Amino acid sequence: DIWGWVDPLDGSEYALVGLNDGFSCVNLSTPSNPVEEFYIADLNSTWRDIKTWGNYAYVTTEADAGLLIVDLSDMTGSTYWHVTEFLNPLTGSNTSFTAAHNIYIDEYGIAYIFGASSSHGSSPADGVIFLDVDADPINPIYLGEWDEEYIHDGMARGDTLYAGCIYTGDLYIIDVSNKSNPYTIGTHPTPNAFTHNAWVSDDGDYV
């Protein structure tokens, strides 16, 4: 996958590119002559997804590399972390995942981790795991999860998550106002019973 980021200090635009063998940050100041600022090698995977919050990029992959967090204020590419343990402040315990298919970050700084799995033998939610990346960007806090179905991809706006439940062939619409107790509002089938992804129009009238 690919995502974009704008440096808040000088307005420079960057493409954040998921590669089979890692992550690339590309300067687009001259669109006809893009320049790779840095590259971070990672475990090989066909799937890699990227979203941003502030000056940080968050990268998921189905390889067992955990959640890659990259500090984009350091254009040398040498400031990054692989995180697999996420503190649950309600219980004091950690929730763990080593791989995930997809990620979305909403306007509140909540990361939605879709299709998570673990090489540790534990059973994380393969629906969605909610992580707060606003309070401490390099130490995301576990807020809860929804695990009725496997989620391939999704996006959230306000208190509503629109989830592509690819194997059921349904769009799920989920109330996530309480991250520790989300609930399904409704579902709707999609053509060919293969709900790959979803996005909401700017005016909120269509998904």
Protein backbone atom coordinates (compact mmCIF):
# COMPACT_ATOMS: atom_id res chain seq x y z
CA ASP A 1 0.00 0.00 0.00
CA ILE A 2 0.96 3.67 -0.17
CA TRP A 3 0.13 6.69 1.98
CA GLY A 4 1.03 10.37 2.02
CA TRP A 5 2.53 12.66 4.65
CA VAL A 6 3.14 16.42 4.73
CA ASP A 7 5.93 17.81 6.91
CA PRO A 8 4.22 20.40 9.17
CA LEU A 9 7.42 22.47 9.37
CA ASP A 10 8.00 23.19 5.68
CA GLY A 11 5.05 21.68 3.81
CA SER A 12 7.15 19.10 1.97
CA GLU A 13 5.13 16.17 0.64
CA TYR A 14 6.22 12.56 0.95
CA ALA A 15 5.00 9.23 -0.35
CA LEU A 16 5.20 6.46 2.25
CA VAL A 17 5.55 3.25 0.30
CA GLY A 18 5.04 -0.33 1.42
CA LEU A 19 7.44 -2.70 -0.30
CA ASN A 20 7.76 -6.48 -0.28
CA ASP A 21 11.00 -6.15 1.67
CA GLY A 22 10.46 -3.02 3.73
CA PHE A 23 9.32 0.60 3.91
CA SER A 24 10.37 3.58 1.78
CA CYS A 25 9.96 7.32 2.34
CA VAL A 26 10.02 9.31 -0.93
CA ASN A 27 10.33 13.09 -1.19
CA LEU A 28 7.85 14.53 -3.74
CA SER A 29 8.94 18.17 -3.60
CA THR A 30 9.66 17.84 -7.32
CA PRO A 31 6.95 15.41 -8.47
CA SER A 32 8.68 14.72 -11.77
CA ASN A 33 11.83 13.74 -9.89
CA PRO A 34 10.89 11.86 -6.69
CA VAL A 35 13.81 11.18 -4.35
CA GLU A 36 13.96 8.37 -1.80
CA GLU A 37 14.90 9.89 1.55
CA PHE A 38 15.35 6.57 3.33
CA TYR A 39 14.51 2.89 3.26
CA ILE A 40 13.97 0.53 6.19
CA ALA A 41 14.47 -3.16 5.44
CA ASP A 42 11.93 -5.52 7.00
CA LEU A 43 10.68 -9.08 6.80
CA ASN A 44 9.40 -10.04 3.36
CA SER A 45 5.66 -9.90 2.82
CA THR A 46 3.24 -9.28 -0.04
CA TRP A 47 1.15 -7.14 2.34
CA ARG A 48 2.23 -3.91 4.02
CA ASP A 49 -0.04 -1.00 4.98
CA ILE A 50 0.79 2.49 6.28
CA LYS A 51 -1.01 5.31 8.07
CA THR A 52 0.28 8.38 9.94
CA TRP A 53 -0.37 10.32 13.12
CA GLY A 54 1.59 13.51 13.69
CA ASN A 55 5.20 12.91 12.73
CA TYR A 56 4.94 9.13 12.95
CA ALA A 57 4.21 6.46 10.38
CA TYR A 58 2.62 3.20 11.51
CA VAL A 59 3.21 0.17 9.32
CA THR A 60 1.54 -3.24 9.50
CA THR A 61 2.52 -6.38 7.64
CA GLU A 62 1.49 -10.02 7.62
CA ALA A 63 5.11 -10.92 8.26
CA ASP A 64 5.78 -11.34 12.00
CA ALA A 65 7.48 -7.96 12.34
CA GLY A 66 5.01 -6.38 14.77
CA LEU A 67 3.87 -2.79 14.34
CA LEU A 68 6.64 -0.71 12.76
CA ILE A 69 6.63 2.87 14.10
CA VAL A 70 8.81 5.34 12.17
CA ASP A 71 9.72 8.85 13.34
CA LEU A 72 9.36 10.95 10.19
CA SER A 73 11.04 13.96 11.80
CA ASP A 74 14.30 12.04 11.33
CA MET A 75 14.82 11.81 7.58
CA THR A 76 17.87 9.61 8.04
CA GLY A 77 15.44 6.73 8.64
CA SER A 78 17.35 5.57 11.70
CA THR A 79 14.64 6.27 14.32
CA TYR A 80 12.07 3.50 14.37
CA TRP A 81 10.68 0.73 16.56
CA HIS A 82 9.05 -2.69 16.08
CA VAL A 83 6.38 -3.06 18.76
CA THR A 84 4.46 -6.24 19.55
CA GLU A 85 3.23 -5.65 23.14
CA PHE A 86 0.52 -3.11 23.97
CA LEU A 87 -0.41 -2.21 27.54
CA ASN A 88 -4.00 -2.61 28.68
CA PRO A 89 -4.28 0.03 31.45
CA LEU A 90 -7.53 -1.49 32.74
CA THR A 91 -5.92 -4.82 33.57
CA GLY A 92 -2.22 -3.97 33.67
CA SER A 93 -1.58 -6.80 31.22
CA ASN A 94 -0.26 -6.67 27.66
CA THR A 95 -2.05 -7.53 24.43
CA SER A 96 0.26 -8.88 21.76
CA PHE A 97 0.23 -9.22 18.00
CA THR A 98 3.12 -9.81 15.63
CA ALA A 99 1.29 -9.45 12.30
CA ALA A 100 -1.72 -7.61 10.92
CA HIS A 101 -3.21 -7.17 7.46
CA ASN A 102 -4.20 -3.53 7.65
CA ILE A 103 -4.32 -0.32 9.68
CA TYR A 104 -6.44 2.83 9.82
CA ILE A 105 -5.98 5.86 12.10
CA ASP A 106 -8.95 8.11 12.79
CA GLU A 107 -9.16 11.82 13.58
CA TYR A 108 -8.77 11.15 17.31
CA GLY A 109 -5.47 9.30 17.05
CA ILE A 110 -7.00 5.84 17.44
CA ALA A 111 -5.32 3.15 15.37
CA TYR A 112 -7.54 0.35 14.08
CA ILE A 113 -5.49 -2.82 13.60
CA PHE A 114 -7.27 -5.21 11.22
CA GLY A 115 -6.70 -8.94 10.80
CA ALA A 116 -4.14 -9.37 13.57
CA SER A 117 -2.34 -12.62 14.34
CA SER A 118 0.53 -13.71 16.54
CA SER A 119 3.49 -16.04 16.30
CA HIS A 120 3.53 -16.26 20.10
CA GLY A 121 0.67 -18.74 20.26
CA SER A 122 -1.77 -16.19 21.68
CA SER A 123 -5.04 -15.34 19.93
CA PRO A 124 -5.35 -11.61 19.28
CA ALA A 125 -8.49 -10.26 17.62
CA ASP A 126 -8.46 -10.81 13.88
CA GLY A 127 -11.37 -8.38 13.67
CA VAL A 128 -10.06 -5.06 14.95
CA ILE A 129 -7.84 -4.02 17.85
CA PHE A 130 -8.10 -0.38 19.03
CA LEU A 131 -4.85 1.37 20.01
CA ASP A 132 -4.42 4.93 21.27
CA VAL A 133 -1.39 6.40 19.46
CA ASP A 134 -2.08 10.01 20.48
CA ALA A 135 -1.15 9.85 24.16
CA ASP A 136 2.25 8.24 23.53
CA PRO A 137 3.01 7.73 19.81
CA ILE A 138 5.77 5.15 20.35
CA ASN A 139 3.95 3.21 23.07
CA PRO A 140 0.38 2.70 21.80
CA ILE A 141 -2.17 1.87 24.49
CA TYR A 142 -4.68 -0.96 24.07
CA LEU A 143 -8.30 0.26 24.34
CA GLY A 144 -10.34 -2.76 23.27
CA GLU A 145 -11.33 -4.92 20.33
CA TRP A 146 -14.19 -6.23 18.18
CA ASP A 147 -13.88 -9.82 17.06
CA GLU A 148 -17.18 -11.03 15.63
CA GLU A 149 -15.65 -11.51 12.16
CA TYR A 150 -12.31 -11.23 10.39
CA ILE A 151 -11.82 -7.68 9.06
CA HIS A 152 -9.73 -7.22 5.92
CA ASP A 153 -9.84 -3.43 5.81
CA GLY A 154 -11.92 -0.55 7.09
CA MET A 155 -12.14 3.09 8.03
CA ALA A 156 -13.73 5.05 10.84
CA ARG A 157 -15.25 8.48 11.18
CA GLY A 158 -16.65 9.88 14.37
CA ASP A 159 -17.87 6.94 16.43
CA THR A 160 -18.58 4.62 13.49
CA LEU A 161 -16.36 1.97 11.92
CA TYR A 162 -17.05 0.72 8.39
CA ALA A 163 -15.48 -2.72 8.11
CA GLY A 164 -14.89 -4.95 5.11
CA CYS A 165 -15.54 -8.47 6.41
CA ILE A 166 -14.15 -10.15 3.34
CA TYR A 167 -15.00 -13.77 4.15
CA THR A 168 -18.63 -13.13 5.10
CA GLY A 169 -19.09 -10.86 2.07
CA ASP A 170 -20.65 -8.16 4.22
CA LEU A 171 -19.98 -4.54 5.06
CA TYR A 172 -20.22 -4.27 8.85
CA ILE A 173 -21.11 -0.94 10.44
CA ILE A 174 -19.94 -0.86 14.06
CA ASP A 175 -20.49 1.64 16.88
CA VAL A 176 -17.06 2.25 18.41
CA SER A 177 -17.97 5.11 20.76
CA ASN A 178 -16.93 2.84 23.64
CA LYS A 179 -13.75 1.08 22.52
CA SER A 180 -14.06 -1.45 25.34
CA ASN A 181 -17.60 -2.36 24.27
CA PRO A 182 -18.14 -1.85 20.51
CA TYR A 183 -21.27 -3.28 18.94
CA THR A 184 -22.57 -3.98 15.44
CA ILE A 185 -25.17 -1.53 14.15
CA GLY A 186 -25.91 -3.44 10.96
CA THR A 187 -24.54 -5.31 7.95
CA HIS A 188 -25.03 -5.27 4.20
CA PRO A 189 -23.85 -7.74 1.53
CA THR A 190 -21.62 -6.62 -1.33
CA PRO A 191 -21.39 -7.97 -4.90
CA ASN A 192 -19.67 -11.35 -5.28
CA ALA A 193 -19.80 -11.77 -1.46
CA PHE A 194 -16.24 -10.48 -1.15
CA THR A 195 -16.15 -7.26 0.88
CA HIS A 196 -12.61 -6.04 0.33
CA ASN A 197 -12.62 -2.49 1.74
CA ALA A 198 -14.81 0.54 2.41
CA TRP A 199 -14.54 4.33 2.52
CA VAL A 200 -16.98 7.09 3.47
CA SER A 201 -17.70 10.11 1.27
CA ASP A 202 -16.59 13.52 2.56
CA ASP A 203 -20.19 14.54 3.29
CA GLY A 204 -20.84 11.29 5.17
CA ASP A 205 -23.86 10.40 3.03
CA TYR A 206 -22.35 7.42 1.24
CA VAL A 207 -20.06 4.50 2.00
